[in-house]
């Protein structure tokens, strides 16, 4: 267990950041799931930029790796394009 004042503060800050990151990560995962379950092409096309923005935000704050974010956005765009062409 930490004994220094600065180490105790760091533990408090880390816990606060962990909860903050967990909230945004879970919200984004839920939005991705919602987009993947969509059947309507128009609705999915309107929702895709919002989800992509959420993914970019997580990548920018290093919650997700940049490559993971790029792969997710790519696969979601492919999904929406398949809906539009079907």
N, C-alpha and C. Protein backbone atom coordinates (compact mmCIF):
# COMPACT_ATOMS: atom_id res chain seq x y z
N UNK A 1 0.85 -1.19 0.00
CA UNK A 1 0.00 0.00 0.00
C UNK A 1 0.89 1.24 0.00
N UNK A 2 0.38 2.29 -0.62
CA UNK A 2 1.16 3.52 -0.74
C UNK A 2 1.31 4.22 0.61
N UNK A 3 2.47 4.81 0.80
CA UNK A 3 2.73 5.54 2.03
C UNK A 3 2.93 7.02 1.78
N UNK A 4 3.33 7.39 0.59
CA UNK A 4 3.58 8.80 0.29
C UNK A 4 2.29 9.49 -0.12
N UNK A 5 2.23 10.76 0.22
CA UNK A 5 1.05 11.56 -0.08
C UNK A 5 0.78 11.59 -1.58
N UNK A 6 1.85 11.74 -2.37
CA UNK A 6 1.68 11.82 -3.83
C UNK A 6 1.21 10.49 -4.41
N UNK A 7 1.66 9.38 -3.83
CA UNK A 7 1.23 8.07 -4.31
C UNK A 7 -0.24 7.83 -4.00
N UNK A 8 -0.68 8.27 -2.84
CA UNK A 8 -2.09 8.14 -2.47
C UNK A 8 -2.96 8.98 -3.40
N UNK A 9 -2.48 10.18 -3.73
CA UNK A 9 -3.22 11.05 -4.65
C UNK A 9 -3.30 10.40 -6.03
N UNK A 10 -2.21 9.81 -6.48
CA UNK A 10 -2.18 9.15 -7.78
C UNK A 10 -3.18 8.00 -7.83
N UNK A 11 -3.31 7.26 -6.73
CA UNK A 11 -4.28 6.16 -6.66
C UNK A 11 -5.70 6.71 -6.80
N UNK A 12 -5.97 7.82 -6.12
CA UNK A 12 -7.30 8.44 -6.21
C UNK A 12 -7.58 8.90 -7.63
N UNK A 13 -6.59 9.53 -8.26
CA UNK A 13 -6.77 10.03 -9.63
C UNK A 13 -6.97 8.88 -10.61
N UNK A 14 -6.19 7.82 -10.45
CA UNK A 14 -6.30 6.67 -11.35
C UNK A 14 -7.69 6.03 -11.27
N UNK A 15 -8.22 5.92 -10.06
CA UNK A 15 -9.55 5.33 -9.90
C UNK A 15 -10.61 6.20 -10.58
N UNK A 16 -10.47 7.51 -10.43
CA UNK A 16 -11.42 8.43 -11.05
C UNK A 16 -11.35 8.31 -12.58
N UNK A 17 -10.12 8.25 -13.11
CA UNK A 17 -9.94 8.12 -14.56
C UNK A 17 -10.46 6.78 -15.06
N UNK A 18 -10.25 5.72 -14.26
CA UNK A 18 -10.70 4.39 -14.67
C UNK A 18 -12.22 4.36 -14.83
N UNK A 19 -12.92 4.95 -13.88
CA UNK A 19 -14.39 4.99 -13.95
C UNK A 19 -14.85 5.84 -15.13
N UNK A 20 -14.19 6.97 -15.35
CA UNK A 20 -14.51 7.85 -16.47
C UNK A 20 -14.31 7.13 -17.80
N UNK A 21 -13.18 6.48 -17.94
CA UNK A 21 -12.87 5.75 -19.18
C UNK A 21 -13.84 4.60 -19.39
N UNK A 22 -14.18 3.90 -18.31
CA UNK A 22 -15.09 2.76 -18.41
C UNK A 22 -16.45 3.19 -18.93
N UNK A 23 -16.93 4.35 -18.47
CA UNK A 23 -18.23 4.87 -18.91
C UNK A 23 -18.21 5.14 -20.42
N UNK A 24 -17.19 5.84 -20.90
CA UNK A 24 -17.14 6.18 -22.33
C UNK A 24 -16.89 4.95 -23.19
N UNK A 25 -16.10 4.02 -22.69
CA UNK A 25 -15.83 2.79 -23.41
C UNK A 25 -17.12 1.97 -23.57
N UNK A 26 -17.87 1.85 -22.49
CA UNK A 26 -19.11 1.07 -22.50
C UNK A 26 -20.15 1.75 -23.40
N UNK A 27 -20.24 3.07 -23.33
CA UNK A 27 -21.19 3.80 -24.18
C UNK A 27 -20.88 3.56 -25.65
N UNK A 28 -19.61 3.58 -26.00
CA UNK A 28 -19.19 3.38 -27.38
C UNK A 28 -19.48 1.95 -27.82
N UNK A 29 -19.17 0.98 -26.96
CA UNK A 29 -19.45 -0.42 -27.30
C UNK A 29 -20.94 -0.65 -27.53
N UNK A 30 -21.78 0.00 -26.73
CA UNK A 30 -23.22 -0.12 -26.88
C UNK A 30 -23.68 0.49 -28.20
N UNK A 31 -23.10 1.64 -28.55
CA UNK A 31 -23.45 2.29 -29.82
C UNK A 31 -23.03 1.44 -31.01
N UNK A 32 -21.86 0.80 -30.92
CA UNK A 32 -21.38 -0.08 -31.99
C UNK A 32 -22.34 -1.26 -32.15
N UNK A 33 -22.74 -1.84 -31.03
CA UNK A 33 -23.67 -2.97 -31.07
C UNK A 33 -24.99 -2.56 -31.70
N UNK A 34 -25.47 -1.37 -31.34
CA UNK A 34 -26.73 -0.85 -31.88
C UNK A 34 -26.62 -0.66 -33.40
N UNK A 35 -25.48 -0.13 -33.85
CA UNK A 35 -25.26 0.09 -35.28
C UNK A 35 -25.22 -1.24 -36.03
N UNK A 36 -24.55 -2.23 -35.46
CA UNK A 36 -24.46 -3.54 -36.12
C UNK A 36 -25.80 -4.25 -36.22
N UNK A 37 -26.71 -3.94 -35.30
CA UNK A 37 -28.03 -4.58 -35.30
C UNK A 37 -29.03 -3.86 -36.20
N UNK A 38 -28.68 -2.67 -36.70
CA UNK A 38 -29.60 -1.90 -37.54
C UNK A 38 -29.81 -2.59 -38.88
N UNK A 39 -31.07 -2.52 -39.34
CA UNK A 39 -31.43 -3.10 -40.63
C UNK A 39 -31.72 -2.00 -41.66
N UNK A 40 -32.14 -0.83 -41.19
CA UNK A 40 -32.48 0.28 -42.08
C UNK A 40 -31.21 1.01 -42.52
N UNK A 41 -30.98 1.07 -43.84
CA UNK A 41 -29.75 1.66 -44.38
C UNK A 41 -29.65 3.16 -44.09
N UNK A 42 -30.73 3.87 -44.23
CA UNK A 42 -30.72 5.32 -44.00
C UNK A 42 -30.40 5.68 -42.56
N UNK A 43 -31.04 4.95 -41.66
CA UNK A 43 -30.82 5.19 -40.23
C UNK A 43 -29.38 4.86 -39.85
N UNK A 44 -28.86 3.77 -40.40
CA UNK A 44 -27.48 3.35 -40.11
C UNK A 44 -26.49 4.37 -40.67
N UNK A 45 -26.76 4.90 -41.85
CA UNK A 45 -25.87 5.88 -42.47
C UNK A 45 -25.83 7.17 -41.65
N UNK A 46 -26.96 7.54 -41.04
CA UNK A 46 -26.99 8.74 -40.20
C UNK A 46 -26.28 8.52 -38.87
N UNK A 47 -26.31 7.28 -38.37
CA UNK A 47 -25.75 6.96 -37.05
C UNK A 47 -24.24 6.70 -37.12
N UNK A 48 -23.74 6.29 -38.29
CA UNK A 48 -22.33 5.93 -38.44
C UNK A 48 -21.37 7.06 -38.05
N UNK A 49 -21.57 8.32 -38.50
CA UNK A 49 -20.63 9.39 -38.11
C UNK A 49 -20.57 9.62 -36.60
N UNK A 50 -21.69 9.45 -35.92
CA UNK A 50 -21.71 9.63 -34.47
C UNK A 50 -20.86 8.55 -33.78
N UNK A 51 -21.01 7.32 -34.25
CA UNK A 51 -20.24 6.21 -33.68
C UNK A 51 -18.76 6.38 -33.99
N UNK A 52 -18.46 6.78 -35.22
CA UNK A 52 -17.07 7.00 -35.62
C UNK A 52 -16.43 8.08 -34.76
N UNK A 53 -17.18 9.10 -34.45
CA UNK A 53 -16.69 10.18 -33.60
C UNK A 53 -16.39 9.68 -32.18
N UNK A 54 -17.26 8.83 -31.67
CA UNK A 54 -17.04 8.25 -30.34
C UNK A 54 -15.76 7.40 -30.34
N UNK A 55 -15.58 6.61 -31.39
CA UNK A 55 -14.40 5.75 -31.50
C UNK A 55 -13.14 6.61 -31.58
N UNK A 56 -13.20 7.69 -32.38
CA UNK A 56 -12.05 8.59 -32.51
C UNK A 56 -11.68 9.22 -31.16
N UNK A 57 -12.70 9.56 -30.39
CA UNK A 57 -12.45 10.15 -29.07
C UNK A 57 -11.71 9.20 -28.15
N UNK A 58 -12.08 7.93 -28.20
CA UNK A 58 -11.39 6.94 -27.36
C UNK A 58 -9.95 6.73 -27.83
N UNK A 59 -9.75 6.75 -29.14
CA UNK A 59 -8.39 6.58 -29.68
C UNK A 59 -7.53 7.80 -29.34
N UNK A 60 -8.13 8.97 -29.40
CA UNK A 60 -7.39 10.20 -29.11
C UNK A 60 -6.90 10.22 -27.66
N UNK A 61 -7.73 9.70 -26.75
CA UNK A 61 -7.35 9.68 -25.33
C UNK A 61 -6.61 8.40 -24.94
N UNK A 62 -6.19 7.61 -25.93
CA UNK A 62 -5.42 6.38 -25.71
C UNK A 62 -6.16 5.36 -24.86
N UNK A 63 -7.47 5.36 -24.93
CA UNK A 63 -8.24 4.33 -24.25
C UNK A 63 -8.26 3.10 -25.15
N UNK A 64 -8.38 3.33 -26.46
CA UNK A 64 -8.23 2.28 -27.46
C UNK A 64 -7.05 2.63 -28.34
N UNK A 65 -6.37 1.62 -28.84
CA UNK A 65 -5.25 1.82 -29.76
C UNK A 65 -5.78 2.38 -31.08
N UNK A 66 -4.97 3.19 -31.75
CA UNK A 66 -5.37 3.81 -33.02
C UNK A 66 -5.76 2.77 -34.06
N UNK A 67 -5.03 1.66 -34.11
CA UNK A 67 -5.32 0.63 -35.11
C UNK A 67 -6.65 -0.06 -34.82
N UNK A 68 -6.93 -0.28 -33.55
CA UNK A 68 -8.22 -0.88 -33.18
C UNK A 68 -9.35 0.03 -33.62
N UNK A 69 -9.18 1.33 -33.39
CA UNK A 69 -10.20 2.30 -33.78
C UNK A 69 -10.39 2.29 -35.30
N UNK A 70 -9.30 2.26 -36.03
CA UNK A 70 -9.38 2.26 -37.49
C UNK A 70 -10.06 0.98 -38.00
N UNK A 71 -9.72 -0.15 -37.40
CA UNK A 71 -10.34 -1.42 -37.81
C UNK A 71 -11.84 -1.43 -37.52
N UNK A 72 -12.23 -0.90 -36.37
CA UNK A 72 -13.65 -0.84 -36.02
C UNK A 72 -14.41 0.06 -36.99
N UNK A 73 -13.87 1.24 -37.25
CA UNK A 73 -14.54 2.18 -38.15
C UNK A 73 -14.67 1.58 -39.55
N UNK A 74 -13.63 0.89 -39.99
CA UNK A 74 -13.65 0.27 -41.31
C UNK A 74 -14.73 -0.81 -41.39
N UNK A 75 -14.77 -1.67 -40.39
CA UNK A 75 -15.76 -2.76 -40.42
C UNK A 75 -17.18 -2.22 -40.32
N UNK A 76 -17.38 -1.14 -39.56
CA UNK A 76 -18.72 -0.55 -39.46
C UNK A 76 -19.13 0.11 -40.77
N UNK A 77 -18.17 0.75 -41.43
CA UNK A 77 -18.47 1.38 -42.73
C UNK A 77 -18.83 0.31 -43.76
N UNK A 78 -18.12 -0.80 -43.73
CA UNK A 78 -18.44 -1.92 -44.64
C UNK A 78 -19.85 -2.43 -44.37
N UNK A 79 -20.20 -2.55 -43.10
CA UNK A 79 -21.54 -3.02 -42.71
C UNK A 79 -22.62 -2.07 -43.25
N UNK A 80 -22.41 -0.77 -43.09
CA UNK A 80 -23.41 0.21 -43.55
C UNK A 80 -23.51 0.19 -45.08
N UNK A 81 -22.36 0.05 -45.75
CA UNK A 81 -22.38 0.00 -47.22
C UNK A 81 -23.12 -1.24 -47.72
N UNK A 82 -22.98 -2.35 -47.03
CA UNK A 82 -23.71 -3.58 -47.42
C UNK A 82 -25.22 -3.38 -47.26
N UNK A 83 -25.61 -2.65 -46.21
CA UNK A 83 -27.04 -2.38 -46.02
C UNK A 83 -27.58 -1.51 -47.15
N UNK A 84 -26.79 -0.52 -47.57
CA UNK A 84 -27.24 0.39 -48.61
C UNK A 84 -27.32 -0.30 -49.97
N UNK A 85 -26.41 -1.25 -50.22
CA UNK A 85 -26.39 -1.92 -51.51
C UNK A 85 -27.35 -3.10 -51.58
N UNK A 86 -27.83 -3.54 -50.43
CA UNK A 86 -28.72 -4.72 -50.42
C UNK A 86 -30.15 -4.36 -50.77
